[in-house]
Amino acid sequence: MICVSIMLAVFLGWPLAFGGDGDAGYRPQLAKPDAAEAAQPLRAETAPVSASVPVSTSVQGPPESCYKRYQRQVRTCSNANGAACRLKAADNWDLCEATGFWPEA
């Protein structure tokens, strides 16, 4: 643990002590546009919004949390396959917490 702490201190302190920024002078070059492209004005290419298309605004409540969905799924597990069903629900809960979406099927 002491060795790791010393290595971290050297790694973080090196640029402070020697003035380097860690990338050894690497500076990416940006592509410069040629004169013909620079002289043309920018055009906005957007499709016109049609007034005849109705905008649907469905009002929904807040999304169901992963834990609430887990509880609802565990309640539907029967005793015949209870352990496997609860394990699958726990796996789905874990995936939902990691990704933000409940896995389908």
Protein backbone atom coordinates (compact mmCIF):
# COMPACT_ATOMS: atom_id res chain seq x y z
CA MET A 1 0.00 0.00 0.00
CA ILE A 2 2.89 2.32 0.76
CA CYS A 3 4.46 1.55 -2.61
CA VAL A 4 1.20 2.37 -4.40
CA SER A 5 0.91 5.65 -2.50
CA ILE A 6 4.45 6.65 -3.41
CA MET A 7 3.91 5.76 -7.08
CA LEU A 8 0.69 7.81 -7.16
CA ALA A 9 2.44 10.78 -5.55
CA VAL A 10 5.25 10.62 -8.10
CA PHE A 11 2.80 10.28 -10.96
CA LEU A 12 0.75 13.27 -9.83
CA GLY A 13 3.71 15.34 -8.65
CA TRP A 14 5.92 14.92 -11.71
CA PRO A 15 4.19 17.59 -13.84
CA LEU A 16 4.20 20.00 -10.90
CA ALA A 17 7.89 19.50 -10.21
CA PHE A 18 9.17 19.51 -13.79
CA GLY A 19 6.55 21.60 -15.56
CA GLY A 20 5.44 18.93 -17.98
CA ASP A 21 1.83 18.42 -18.87
CA GLY A 22 2.19 14.70 -19.44
CA ASP A 23 1.63 14.61 -23.20
CA ALA A 24 5.27 15.31 -24.22
CA GLY A 25 4.41 18.27 -26.39
CA TYR A 26 1.72 16.57 -28.45
CA ARG A 27 -0.50 19.19 -30.04
CA PRO A 28 -3.11 18.00 -32.56
CA GLN A 29 -3.40 20.14 -35.68
CA LEU A 30 -6.87 21.21 -36.71
CA ALA A 31 -7.75 21.03 -40.39
CA LYS A 32 -7.90 24.50 -41.91
CA PRO A 33 -10.68 25.11 -44.45
CA ASP A 34 -9.60 26.27 -47.88
CA ALA A 35 -10.53 29.73 -49.14
CA ALA A 36 -13.47 28.51 -51.28
CA GLU A 37 -15.19 26.86 -48.31
CA ALA A 38 -14.56 29.79 -46.01
CA ALA A 39 -16.11 32.29 -48.46
CA GLN A 40 -19.45 30.44 -48.73
CA PRO A 41 -22.05 31.34 -46.09
CA LEU A 42 -23.45 28.57 -43.94
CA ARG A 43 -26.89 27.32 -44.94
CA ALA A 44 -29.39 25.89 -42.54
CA GLU A 45 -30.92 22.82 -44.14
CA THR A 46 -33.97 22.11 -42.07
CA ALA A 47 -37.27 20.67 -43.12
CA PRO A 48 -40.23 23.02 -42.71
CA VAL A 49 -42.57 22.12 -39.91
CA SER A 50 -46.01 21.30 -41.18
CA ALA A 51 -48.87 22.86 -39.27
CA SER A 52 -51.20 20.01 -40.22
CA VAL A 53 -49.24 17.38 -38.27
CA PRO A 54 -50.67 17.17 -34.76
CA VAL A 55 -48.18 17.07 -31.94
CA SER A 56 -49.03 14.34 -29.48
CA THR A 57 -48.23 15.13 -25.90
CA SER A 58 -48.93 12.12 -23.76
CA VAL A 59 -48.67 12.90 -20.10
CA GLN A 60 -47.13 10.06 -18.19
CA GLY A 61 -46.12 9.78 -14.61
CA PRO A 62 -42.55 9.31 -13.51
CA PRO A 63 -40.97 6.07 -14.74
CA GLU A 64 -41.15 3.09 -12.46
CA SER A 65 -37.96 2.57 -10.46
CA CYS A 66 -35.93 -0.59 -10.88
CA TYR A 67 -36.65 -1.68 -7.31
CA LYS A 68 -40.42 -1.23 -7.72
CA ARG A 69 -40.32 -3.29 -10.89
CA TYR A 70 -38.27 -5.95 -9.08
CA GLN A 71 -40.82 -6.10 -6.25
CA ARG A 72 -43.70 -6.40 -8.73
CA GLN A 73 -41.94 -9.20 -10.61
CA VAL A 74 -41.06 -11.14 -7.43
CA ARG A 75 -44.71 -11.03 -6.31
CA THR A 76 -45.71 -12.84 -9.50
CA CYS A 77 -43.31 -15.74 -8.85
CA SER A 78 -45.07 -18.98 -7.95
CA ASN A 79 -43.80 -21.57 -5.49
CA ALA A 80 -43.10 -24.11 -8.23
CA ASN A 81 -40.33 -22.08 -9.82
CA GLY A 82 -39.91 -19.54 -7.04
CA ALA A 83 -36.14 -19.64 -6.59
CA ALA A 84 -35.38 -19.46 -10.30
CA CYS A 85 -37.95 -16.69 -10.81
CA ARG A 86 -36.59 -14.63 -7.91
CA LEU A 87 -33.03 -15.10 -9.18
CA LYS A 88 -34.02 -13.94 -12.67
CA ALA A 89 -35.80 -10.94 -11.15
CA ALA A 90 -32.68 -10.09 -9.14
CA ASP A 91 -30.54 -10.34 -12.29
CA ASN A 92 -32.93 -8.09 -14.16
CA TRP A 93 -32.90 -5.62 -11.25
CA ASP A 94 -29.10 -5.52 -11.37
CA LEU A 95 -29.12 -4.92 -15.12
CA CYS A 96 -31.73 -2.20 -14.70
CA GLU A 97 -29.64 -0.42 -12.05
CA ALA A 98 -26.59 -0.59 -14.34
CA THR A 99 -28.23 0.48 -17.60
CA GLY A 100 -31.35 2.34 -16.53
CA PHE A 101 -33.64 0.06 -18.53
CA TRP A 102 -35.43 -3.11 -17.47
CA PRO A 103 -34.35 -5.95 -19.80
CA GLU A 104 -37.12 -7.32 -21.97
CA ALA A 105 -37.74 -11.07 -22.15
